[in-house]
Every structure is written in structure tokens, then in C-alpha cells.
Amino acid sequence: TLRTEANKVRMENDGLSQKIRYFDSPDFQEREAKEKLGFRRQEEEVVLLPESLPVSPDEKTENASAEKPRFEANRPNYEKWWKLFFPVN
């Protein structure tokens, strides 16, 4: 039982060591700087998308009674991008 417990502790230590190495890595630090601090690299461009897609004046009058949101927060990002560049008429 002591050997199995020692192996378990050793595996936990290995897992913690891997996490520490990841947290010290430049990839993690860059991701955190982008997500939490809003930083970016010099060569990167930031694109801000509107919360909803623009609607033409004709569509507003035609679909006023059956208006539904064109941009749903629970959709995956690839669907949001697809709808932005290839809107359904």
C-alpha cells in the first residue's frame, strides 16, 4: 500500500511539474496577456465585431413582427464568422 501511495504522490508531483512548466512558458504568458490585459503583437490586427449584424431598412420593415436575433451568443465562433462573411438572405 505504501508503494501504491508513493506512486500516486509521484504522479501528482509530475502533473504539478508539468503545470508549472506550462505556466512559465512564453505561450501561456502571451495568451494571458492577450485575454486578460488586451495586449497584442505588433504584426497582429485586432478586429472588433458588432454584437448583431447590420440589417437593411427593407428587412426591418418586412420582418418587424417576426424579428429574431441574428447573432446568438451561444453559437460557436466559426458559425459567427461564417454568418458575418456569408449572410443568409
PDB file of N, CA and C in Angstrom:
ATOM      1  N   THR A   1       0.819  -1.199   0.000  1.00  0.00           N
ATOM      2  CA  THR A   1       0.000   0.000   0.000  1.00  0.00           C
ATOM      3  C   THR A   1       0.863   1.263   0.000  1.00  0.00           C
ATOM      4  N   LEU A   2       2.007   1.194   0.680  1.00  0.00           N
ATOM      5  CA  LEU A   2       2.887   2.364   0.691  1.00  0.00           C
ATOM      6  C   LEU A   2       3.463   2.635  -0.696  1.00  0.00           C
ATOM      7  N   ARG A   3       3.776   1.572  -1.443  1.00  0.00           N
ATOM      8  CA  ARG A   3       4.306   1.760  -2.794  1.00  0.00           C
ATOM      9  C   ARG A   3       3.262   2.380  -3.717  1.00  0.00           C
ATOM     10  N   THR A   4       2.047   1.914  -3.626  1.00  0.00           N
ATOM     11  CA  THR A   4       0.997   2.492  -4.480  1.00  0.00           C
ATOM     12  C   THR A   4       0.745   3.944  -4.116  1.00  0.00           C
ATOM     13  N   GLU A   5       0.786   4.238  -2.831  1.00  0.00           N
ATOM     14  CA  GLU A   5       0.600   5.625  -2.403  1.00  0.00           C
ATOM     15  C   GLU A   5       1.778   6.496  -2.846  1.00  0.00           C
ATOM     16  N   ALA A   6       2.974   5.945  -2.778  1.00  0.00           N
ATOM     17  CA  ALA A   6       4.159   6.685  -3.234  1.00  0.00           C
ATOM     18  C   ALA A   6       4.079   6.931  -4.736  1.00  0.00           C
ATOM     19  N   ASN A   7       3.632   5.949  -5.489  1.00  0.00           N
ATOM     20  CA  ASN A   7       3.467   6.126  -6.945  1.00  0.00           C
ATOM     21  C   ASN A   7       2.414   7.183  -7.244  1.00  0.00           C
ATOM     22  N   LYS A   8       1.355   7.183  -6.480  1.00  0.00           N
ATOM     23  CA  LYS A   8       0.291   8.177  -6.668  1.00  0.00           C
ATOM     24  C   LYS A   8       0.817   9.583  -6.403  1.00  0.00           C
ATOM     25  N   VAL A   9       1.584   9.747  -5.324  1.00  0.00           N
ATOM     26  CA  VAL A   9       2.160  11.048  -4.991  1.00  0.00           C
ATOM     27  C   VAL A   9       3.159  11.466  -6.065  1.00  0.00           C
ATOM     28  N   ARG A  10       3.951  10.513  -6.564  1.00  0.00           N
ATOM     29  CA  ARG A  10       4.922  10.807  -7.614  1.00  0.00           C
ATOM     30  C   ARG A  10       4.211  11.274  -8.892  1.00  0.00           C
ATOM     31  N   MET A  11       3.100  10.644  -9.227  1.00  0.00           N
ATOM     32  CA  MET A  11       2.340  11.041 -10.419  1.00  0.00           C
ATOM     33  C   MET A  11       1.742  12.435 -10.235  1.00  0.00           C
ATOM     34  N   GLU A  12       1.245  12.725  -9.041  1.00  0.00           N
ATOM     35  CA  GLU A  12       0.716  14.062  -8.765  1.00  0.00           C
ATOM     36  C   GLU A  12       1.819  15.113  -8.877  1.00  0.00           C
ATOM     37  N   ASN A  13       3.001  14.799  -8.371  1.00  0.00           N
ATOM     38  CA  ASN A  13       4.133  15.720  -8.465  1.00  0.00           C
ATOM     39  C   ASN A  13       4.515  15.959  -9.923  1.00  0.00           C
ATOM     40  N   ASP A  14       4.515  14.896 -10.726  1.00  0.00           N
ATOM     41  CA  ASP A  14       4.824  15.049 -12.151  1.00  0.00           C
ATOM     42  C   ASP A  14       3.802  15.956 -12.827  1.00  0.00           C
ATOM     43  N   GLY A  15       2.535  15.768 -12.497  1.00  0.00           N
ATOM     44  CA  GLY A  15       1.486  16.613 -13.065  1.00  0.00           C
ATOM     45  C   GLY A  15       1.655  18.075 -12.674  1.00  0.00           C
ATOM     46  N   LEU A  16       1.987  18.307 -11.407  1.00  0.00           N
ATOM     47  CA  LEU A  16       2.223  19.680 -10.949  1.00  0.00           C
ATOM     48  C   LEU A  16       3.453  20.289 -11.624  1.00  0.00           C
ATOM     49  N   SER A  17       4.490  19.484 -11.821  1.00  0.00           N
ATOM     50  CA  SER A  17       5.687  19.975 -12.502  1.00  0.00           C
ATOM     51  C   SER A  17       5.371  20.378 -13.940  1.00  0.00           C
ATOM     52  N   GLN A  18       4.548  19.585 -14.607  1.00  0.00           N
ATOM     53  CA  GLN A  18       4.146  19.921 -15.980  1.00  0.00           C
ATOM     54  C   GLN A  18       3.363  21.227 -16.006  1.00  0.00           C
ATOM     55  N   LYS A  19       2.464  21.411 -15.056  1.00  0.00           N
ATOM     56  CA  LYS A  19       1.687  22.652 -14.994  1.00  0.00           C
ATOM     57  C   LYS A  19       2.594  23.860 -14.744  1.00  0.00           C
ATOM     58  N   ILE A  20       3.559  23.699 -13.859  1.00  0.00           N
ATOM     59  CA  ILE A  20       4.486  24.795 -13.568  1.00  0.00           C
ATOM     60  C   ILE A  20       5.277  25.158 -14.816  1.00  0.00           C
ATOM     61  N   ARG A  21       5.758  24.153 -15.547  1.00  0.00           N
ATOM     62  CA  ARG A  21       6.492  24.421 -16.787  1.00  0.00           C
ATOM     63  C   ARG A  21       5.606  25.138 -17.795  1.00  0.00           C
ATOM     64  N   TYR A  22       4.335  24.739 -17.892  1.00  0.00           N
ATOM     65  CA  TYR A  22       3.417  25.393 -18.824  1.00  0.00           C
ATOM     66  C   TYR A  22       3.159  26.847 -18.414  1.00  0.00           C
ATOM     67  N   PHE A  23       2.957  27.086 -17.135  1.00  0.00           N
ATOM     68  CA  PHE A  23       2.700  28.449 -16.672  1.00  0.00           C
ATOM     69  C   PHE A  23       3.914  29.358 -16.866  1.00  0.00           C
ATOM     70  N   ASP A  24       5.100  28.798 -16.874  1.00  0.00           N
ATOM     71  CA  ASP A  24       6.310  29.565 -17.118  1.00  0.00           C
ATOM     72  C   ASP A  24       6.612  29.737 -18.612  1.00  0.00           C
ATOM     73  N   SER A  25       5.880  29.057 -19.460  1.00  0.00           N
ATOM     74  CA  SER A  25       6.176  29.090 -20.898  1.00  0.00           C
ATOM     75  C   SER A  25       5.725  30.421 -21.515  1.00  0.00           C
ATOM     76  N   PRO A  26       6.412  30.860 -22.549  1.00  0.00           N
ATOM     77  CA  PRO A  26       6.019  32.097 -23.250  1.00  0.00           C
ATOM     78  C   PRO A  26       4.626  31.999 -23.887  1.00  0.00           C
ATOM     79  N   ASP A  27       4.226  30.796 -24.316  1.00  0.00           N
ATOM     80  CA  ASP A  27       2.900  30.629 -24.928  1.00  0.00           C
ATOM     81  C   ASP A  27       1.791  30.969 -23.937  1.00  0.00           C
ATOM     82  N   PHE A  28       1.914  30.457 -22.713  1.00  0.00           N
ATOM     83  CA  PHE A  28       0.911  30.747 -21.699  1.00  0.00           C
ATOM     84  C   PHE A  28       0.899  32.233 -21.355  1.00  0.00           C
ATOM     85  N   GLN A  29       2.072  32.808 -21.199  1.00  0.00           N
ATOM     86  CA  GLN A  29       2.160  34.224 -20.834  1.00  0.00           C
ATOM     87  C   GLN A  29       1.575  35.106 -21.927  1.00  0.00           C
ATOM     88  N   GLU A  30       1.822  34.749 -23.188  1.00  0.00           N
ATOM     89  CA  GLU A  30       1.251  35.525 -24.296  1.00  0.00           C
ATOM     90  C   GLU A  30      -0.276  35.413 -24.306  1.00  0.00           C
ATOM     91  N   ARG A  31      -0.785  34.203 -24.125  1.00  0.00           N
ATOM     92  CA  ARG A  31      -2.236  34.004 -24.117  1.00  0.00           C
ATOM     93  C   ARG A  31      -2.896  34.789 -22.992  1.00  0.00           C
ATOM     94  N   GLU A  32      -2.323  34.766 -21.813  1.00  0.00           N
ATOM     95  CA  GLU A  32      -2.883  35.505 -20.689  1.00  0.00           C
ATOM     96  C   GLU A  32      -2.826  37.011 -20.931  1.00  0.00           C
ATOM     97  N   ALA A  33      -1.730  37.488 -21.518  1.00  0.00           N
ATOM     98  CA  ALA A  33      -1.606  38.920 -21.807  1.00  0.00           C
ATOM     99  C   ALA A  33      -2.654  39.355 -22.821  1.00  0.00           C
ATOM    100  N   LYS A  34      -2.950  38.505 -23.778  1.00  0.00           N
ATOM    101  CA  LYS A  34      -3.962  38.840 -24.784  1.00  0.00           C
ATOM    102  C   LYS A  34      -5.362  38.815 -24.186  1.00  0.00           C
ATOM    103  N   GLU A  35      -5.673  37.751 -23.456  1.00  0.00           N
ATOM    104  CA  GLU A  35      -7.036  37.576 -22.939  1.00  0.00           C
ATOM    105  C   GLU A  35      -7.359  38.529 -21.794  1.00  0.00           C
ATOM    106  N   LYS A  36      -6.460  38.664 -20.853  1.00  0.00           N
ATOM    107  CA  LYS A  36      -6.775  39.410 -19.638  1.00  0.00           C
ATOM    108  C   LYS A  36      -6.355  40.869 -19.695  1.00  0.00           C
ATOM    109  N   LEU A  37      -5.292  41.172 -20.444  1.00  0.00           N
ATOM    110  CA  LEU A  37      -4.786  42.535 -20.471  1.00  0.00           C
ATOM    111  C   LEU A  37      -5.050  43.249 -21.792  1.00  0.00           C
ATOM    112  N   GLY A  38      -5.501  42.508 -22.802  1.00  0.00           N
ATOM    113  CA  GLY A  38      -5.810  43.119 -24.090  1.00  0.00           C
ATOM    114  C   GLY A  38      -4.585  43.456 -24.925  1.00  0.00           C
ATOM    115  N   PHE A  39      -3.445  42.839 -24.628  1.00  0.00           N
ATOM    116  CA  PHE A  39      -2.239  43.102 -25.401  1.00  0.00           C
ATOM    117  C   PHE A  39      -2.303  42.392 -26.739  1.00  0.00           C
ATOM    118  N   ARG A  40      -1.447  42.806 -27.664  1.00  0.00           N
ATOM    119  CA  ARG A  40      -1.327  42.141 -28.959  1.00  0.00           C
ATOM    120  C   ARG A  40       0.096  42.308 -29.446  1.00  0.00           C
ATOM    121  N   ARG A  41       0.472  41.507 -30.425  1.00  0.00           N
ATOM    122  CA  ARG A  41       1.782  41.651 -31.051  1.00  0.00           C
ATOM    123  C   ARG A  41       1.725  42.799 -32.045  1.00  0.00           C
ATOM    124  N   GLN A  42       2.888  43.323 -32.410  1.00  0.00           N
ATOM    125  CA  GLN A  42       2.935  44.455 -33.345  1.00  0.00           C
ATOM    126  C   GLN A  42       2.341  44.085 -34.693  1.00  0.00           C
ATOM    127  N   GLU A  43       2.601  42.874 -35.175  1.00  0.00           N
ATOM    128  CA  GLU A  43       2.139  42.491 -36.505  1.00  0.00           C
ATOM    129  C   GLU A  43       0.688  42.012 -36.527  1.00  0.00           C
ATOM    130  N   GLU A  44       0.042  41.908 -35.393  1.00  0.00           N
ATOM    131  CA  GLU A  44      -1.340  41.443 -35.340  1.00  0.00           C
ATOM    132  C   GLU A  44      -2.317  42.602 -35.500  1.00  0.00           C
ATOM    133  N   GLU A  45      -3.424  42.312 -36.129  1.00  0.00           N
ATOM    134  CA  GLU A  45      -4.513  43.270 -36.265  1.00  0.00           C
ATOM    135  C   GLU A  45      -5.680  42.776 -35.415  1.00  0.00           C
ATOM    136  N   VAL A  46      -6.312  43.673 -34.702  1.00  0.00           N
ATOM    137  CA  VAL A  46      -7.458  43.322 -33.868  1.00  0.00           C
ATOM    138  C   VAL A  46      -8.722  43.716 -34.608  1.00  0.00           C
ATOM    139  N   VAL A  47      -9.680  42.793 -34.661  1.00  0.00           N
ATOM    140  CA  VAL A  47     -10.945  43.041 -35.339  1.00  0.00           C
ATOM    141  C   VAL A  47     -12.056  42.983 -34.300  1.00  0.00           C
ATOM    142  N   LEU A  48     -12.825  44.053 -34.183  1.00  0.00           N
ATOM    143  CA  LEU A  48     -13.970  44.079 -33.279  1.00  0.00           C
ATOM    144  C   LEU A  48     -15.228  43.901 -34.113  1.00  0.00           C
ATOM    145  N   LEU A  49     -16.015  42.914 -33.765  1.00  0.00           N
ATOM    146  CA  LEU A  49     -17.243  42.625 -34.498  1.00  0.00           C
ATOM    147  C   LEU A  49     -18.438  43.185 -33.746  1.00  0.00           C
ATOM    148  N   PRO A  50     -19.452  43.640 -34.467  1.00  0.00           N
ATOM    149  CA  PRO A  50     -20.652  44.144 -33.792  1.00  0.00           C
ATOM    150  C   PRO A  50     -21.399  43.002 -33.115  1.00  0.00           C
ATOM    151  N   GLU A  51     -22.170  43.346 -32.107  1.00  0.00           N
ATOM    152  CA  GLU A  51     -22.961  42.330 -31.407  1.00  0.00           C
ATOM    153  C   GLU A  51     -24.036  41.729 -32.305  1.00  0.00           C
ATOM    154  N   SER A  52     -24.551  42.522 -33.230  1.00  0.00           N
ATOM    155  CA  SER A  52     -25.527  41.994 -34.182  1.00  0.00           C
ATOM    156  C   SER A  52     -25.149  42.489 -35.569  1.00  0.00           C
ATOM    157  N   LEU A  53     -25.527  41.729 -36.558  1.00  0.00           N
ATOM    158  CA  LEU A  53     -25.224  42.110 -37.926  1.00  0.00           C
ATOM    159  C   LEU A  53     -26.134  43.249 -38.359  1.00  0.00           C
ATOM    160  N   PRO A  54     -25.631  44.159 -39.183  1.00  0.00           N
ATOM    161  CA  PRO A  54     -26.481  45.256 -39.639  1.00  0.00           C
ATOM    162  C   PRO A  54     -27.640  44.742 -40.486  1.00  0.00           C
ATOM    163  N   VAL A  55     -28.780  45.377 -40.340  1.00  0.00           N
ATOM    164  CA  VAL A  55     -29.979  44.996 -41.071  1.00  0.00           C
ATOM    165  C   VAL A  55     -30.351  46.153 -41.988  1.00  0.00           C
ATOM    166  N   SER A  56     -30.642  45.815 -43.246  1.00  0.00           N
ATOM    167  CA  SER A  56     -31.023  46.860 -44.189  1.00  0.00           C
ATOM    168  C   SER A  56     -32.401  47.411 -43.830  1.00  0.00           C
ATOM    169  N   PRO A  57     -32.723  48.640 -44.236  1.00  0.00           N
ATOM    170  CA  PRO A  57     -34.032  49.223 -43.900  1.00  0.00           C
ATOM    171  C   PRO A  57     -35.210  48.405 -44.431  1.00  0.00           C
ATOM    172  N   ASP A  58     -35.064  47.782 -45.606  1.00  0.00           N
ATOM    173  CA  ASP A  58     -36.143  46.958 -46.158  1.00  0.00           C
ATOM    174  C   ASP A  58     -36.415  45.743 -45.280  1.00  0.00           C
ATOM    175  N   GLU A  59     -35.372  45.128 -44.798  1.00  0.00           N
ATOM    176  CA  GLU A  59     -35.545  43.960 -43.940  1.00  0.00           C
ATOM    177  C   GLU A  59     -36.193  44.334 -42.617  1.00  0.00           C
ATOM    178  N   LYS A  60     -35.917  45.530 -42.110  1.00  0.00           N
ATOM    179  CA  LYS A  60     -36.503  45.953 -40.837  1.00  0.00           C
ATOM    180  C   LYS A  60     -38.017  46.046 -40.945  1.00  0.00           C
ATOM    181  N   THR A  61     -38.521  46.603 -42.031  1.00  0.00           N
ATOM    182  CA  THR A  61     -39.963  46.760 -42.168  1.00  0.00           C
ATOM    183  C   THR A  61     -40.638  45.439 -42.489  1.00  0.00           C
ATOM    184  N   GLU A  62     -39.997  44.591 -43.282  1.00  0.00           N
ATOM    185  CA  GLU A  62     -40.600  43.310 -43.643  1.00  0.00           C
ATOM    186  C   GLU A  62     -40.657  42.350 -42.461  1.00  0.00           C
ATOM    187  N   ASN A  63     -39.608  42.320 -41.675  1.00  0.00           N
ATOM    188  CA  ASN A  63     -39.507  41.341 -40.595  1.00  0.00           C
ATOM    189  C   ASN A  63     -39.729  41.950 -39.219  1.00  0.00           C
ATOM    190  N   ALA A  64     -40.448  43.028 -39.124  1.00  0.00           N
ATOM    191  CA  ALA A  64     -40.636  43.683 -37.826  1.00  0.00           C
ATOM    192  C   ALA A  64     -41.400  42.790 -36.857  1.00  0.00           C
ATOM    193  N   SER A  65     -42.399  42.057 -37.348  1.00  0.00           N
ATOM    194  CA  SER A  65     -43.182  41.224 -36.446  1.00  0.00           C
ATOM    195  C   SER A  65     -42.456  39.931 -36.086  1.00  0.00           C
ATOM    196  N   ALA A  66     -41.691  39.398 -37.007  1.00  0.00           N
ATOM    197  CA  ALA A  66     -41.008  38.132 -36.759  1.00  0.00           C
ATOM    198  C   ALA A  66     -39.517  38.344 -36.559  1.00  0.00           C
ATOM    199  N   GLU A  67     -39.141  39.412 -35.868  1.00  0.00           N
ATOM    200  CA  GLU A  67     -37.724  39.712 -35.690  1.00  0.00           C
ATOM    201  C   GLU A  67     -37.124  38.767 -34.660  1.00  0.00           C
ATOM    202  N   LYS A  68     -36.009  38.168 -35.044  1.00  0.00           N
ATOM    203  CA  LYS A  68     -35.280  37.301 -34.136  1.00  0.00           C
ATOM    204  C   LYS A  68     -33.819  37.713 -34.176  1.00  0.00           C
ATOM    205  N   PRO A  69     -33.069  37.448 -33.137  1.00  0.00           N
ATOM    206  CA  PRO A  69     -31.672  37.888 -33.124  1.00  0.00           C
ATOM    207  C   PRO A  69     -30.861  37.193 -34.207  1.00  0.00           C
ATOM    208  N   ARG A  70     -30.024  37.992 -34.907  1.00  0.00           N
ATOM    209  CA  ARG A  70     -29.194  37.432 -35.964  1.00  0.00           C
ATOM    210  C   ARG A  70     -27.878  36.910 -35.394  1.00  0.00           C
ATOM    211  N   PHE A  71     -27.556  37.270 -34.183  1.00  0.00           N
ATOM    212  CA  PHE A  71     -26.281  36.908 -33.578  1.00  0.00           C
ATOM    213  C   PHE A  71     -26.566  36.282 -32.230  1.00  0.00           C
ATOM    214  N   GLU A  72     -26.343  34.999 -32.098  1.00  0.00           N
ATOM    215  CA  GLU A  72     -26.629  34.324 -30.841  1.00  0.00           C
ATOM    216  C   GLU A  72     -25.332  34.050 -30.100  1.00  0.00           C
ATOM    217  N   ALA A  73     -25.300  34.401 -28.838  1.00  0.00           N
ATOM    218  CA  ALA A  73     -24.082  34.274 -28.043  1.00  0.00           C
ATOM    219  C   ALA A  73     -23.670  32.822 -27.820  1.00  0.00           C
ATOM    220  N   ASN A  74     -24.613  31.892 -27.893  1.00  0.00           N
ATOM    221  CA  ASN A  74     -24.276  30.502 -27.607  1.00  0.00           C
ATOM    222  C   ASN A  74     -23.785  29.736 -28.832  1.00  0.00           C
ATOM    223  N   ARG A  75     -23.615  30.389 -29.964  1.00  0.00           N
ATOM    224  CA  ARG A  75     -23.109  29.729 -31.166  1.00  0.00           C
ATOM    225  C   ARG A  75     -21.589  29.655 -31.117  1.00  0.00           C
ATOM    226  N   PRO A  76     -21.007  28.628 -31.748  1.00  0.00           N
ATOM    227  CA  PRO A  76     -19.546  28.554 -31.835  1.00  0.00           C
ATOM    228  C   PRO A  76     -18.995  29.687 -32.699  1.00  0.00           C
ATOM    229  N   ASN A  77     -17.745  30.045 -32.477  1.00  0.00           N
ATOM    230  CA  ASN A  77     -17.133  31.156 -33.196  1.00  0.00           C
ATOM    231  C   ASN A  77     -17.120  30.951 -34.706  1.00  0.00           C
ATOM    232  N   TYR A  78     -16.876  29.721 -35.151  1.00  0.00           N
ATOM    233  CA  TYR A  78     -16.816  29.511 -36.591  1.00  0.00           C
ATOM    234  C   TYR A  78     -18.156  29.823 -37.252  1.00  0.00           C
ATOM    235  N   GLU A  79     -19.273  29.551 -36.581  1.00  0.00           N
ATOM    236  CA  GLU A  79     -20.586  29.887 -37.143  1.00  0.00           C
ATOM    237  C   GLU A  79     -20.790  31.399 -37.179  1.00  0.00           C
ATOM    238  N   LYS A  80     -20.332  32.101 -36.153  1.00  0.00           N
ATOM    239  CA  LYS A  80     -20.463  33.557 -36.122  1.00  0.00           C
ATOM    240  C   LYS A  80     -19.672  34.181 -37.268  1.00  0.00           C
ATOM    241  N   TRP A  81     -18.443  33.713 -37.482  1.00  0.00           N
ATOM    242  CA  TRP A  81     -17.635  34.226 -38.583  1.00  0.00           C
ATOM    243  C   TRP A  81     -18.298  33.905 -39.922  1.00  0.00           C
ATOM    244  N   TRP A  82     -18.808  32.683 -40.076  1.00  0.00           N
ATOM    245  CA  TRP A  82     -19.451  32.269 -41.325  1.00  0.00           C
ATOM    246  C   TRP A  82     -20.638  33.180 -41.635  1.00  0.00           C
ATOM    247  N   LYS A  83     -21.475  33.434 -40.621  1.00  0.00           N
ATOM    248  CA  LYS A  83     -22.637  34.291 -40.831  1.00  0.00           C
ATOM    249  C   LYS A  83     -22.234  35.728 -41.148  1.00  0.00           C
ATOM    250  N   LEU A  84     -21.110  36.168 -40.592  1.00  0.00           N
ATOM    251  CA  LEU A  84     -20.653  37.529 -40.873  1.00  0.00           C
ATOM    252  C   LEU A  84     -20.247  37.679 -42.333  1.00  0.00           C
ATOM    253  N   PHE A  85     -19.506  36.701 -42.851  1.00  0.00           N
ATOM    254  CA  PHE A  85     -18.995  36.815 -44.215  1.00  0.00           C
ATOM    255  C   PHE A  85     -19.946  36.248 -45.265  1.00  0.00           C
ATOM    256  N   PHE A  86     -20.838  35.350 -44.887  1.00  0.00           N
ATOM    257  CA  PHE A  86     -21.780  34.759 -45.815  1.00  0.00           C
ATOM    258  C   PHE A  86     -23.189  34.828 -45.230  1.00  0.00           C
ATOM    259  N   PRO A  87     -23.771  36.027 -45.158  1.00  0.00           N
ATOM    260  CA  PRO A  87     -25.099  36.149 -44.551  1.00  0.00           C
ATOM    261  C   PRO A  87     -26.168  35.436 -45.385  1.00  0.00           C
ATOM    262  N   VAL A  88     -27.141  34.892 -44.692  1.00  0.00           N
ATOM    263  CA  VAL A  88     -28.249  34.214 -45.345  1.00  0.00           C
ATOM    264  C   VAL A  88     -29.294  35.261 -45.713  1.00  0.00           C
ATOM    265  N   ASN A  89     -29.708  35.272 -46.953  1.00  0.00           N
ATOM    266  CA  ASN A  89     -30.691  36.271 -47.390  1.00  0.00           C
ATOM    267  C   ASN A  89     -32.079  35.805 -47.199  1.00  0.00           C
TER     268      ASN A  89
END
